[in-house]
Amino acid sequence: MSLLTLRDICLSFGGPLLLKKISGSIEPRDRICLVGRNGEGKSTLIRVILKTQDVDSGEFESSPHLKLAFLPQNIPDSLTGTVFDIVSQGIGQAAATSAAYHQAALKLASNPEDTQAAEDLEKYQNELDKSNGWAVSHKIEKLLSLTELDPDNTFETLSGGLKRRVLLAQALEKEPDIL
């Protein structure tokens, strides 16, 4: 079964059609590359697939549990924090607890006398134990290792290429059917 199918998708923004009777499907394990000149509708088609852009006409079908992830063209200026924090965003409470545990561990490593950091570390460890959050933490650490990213680096200080790699790891963390 197709992950998604587009049939006769048409879209204009008040002028000539940007997308004119676009049809196609994406099957599991397909690899697709959109190629075209500027202004020909590549980004618009991606927004249609992501369901962030309505169409004028046509049909869109997708499998009921389809997971999509998106790697933006431009690096958002609003992202701050460590690489670990950025990659773990959007996972939920277990990721937030895992990130807090990671930060407390860094604080304690830099100052072993910090009793508040030690208390925080113990508190977050207990929360991770109760919620099976260690699986989330392990998943993020494995992904960071595979993408060769240092979890403790500050996102704002990274080069453009490393920032893109962080965003790729963040998208891959969702285990999307389509990226």
Foldseek 3Di string as FASTA:
>chain_A
DFQKWWAQFWADDPDDTLDGGDTDTHHFPDDDDDDDDPSSQPVVVVCVVVVVDDTPDTDMDGPPPAFEFDQDPDQDPPDKDFLLLLLLPPPPDLSVLLVQLVVLVVVCVVPVVPVVSVVSNVVSVVVCVVPVSVVVNVLLVVLCVVLVHDRGHILVPDDPVVVSSSSVSSRCSSVGSYD
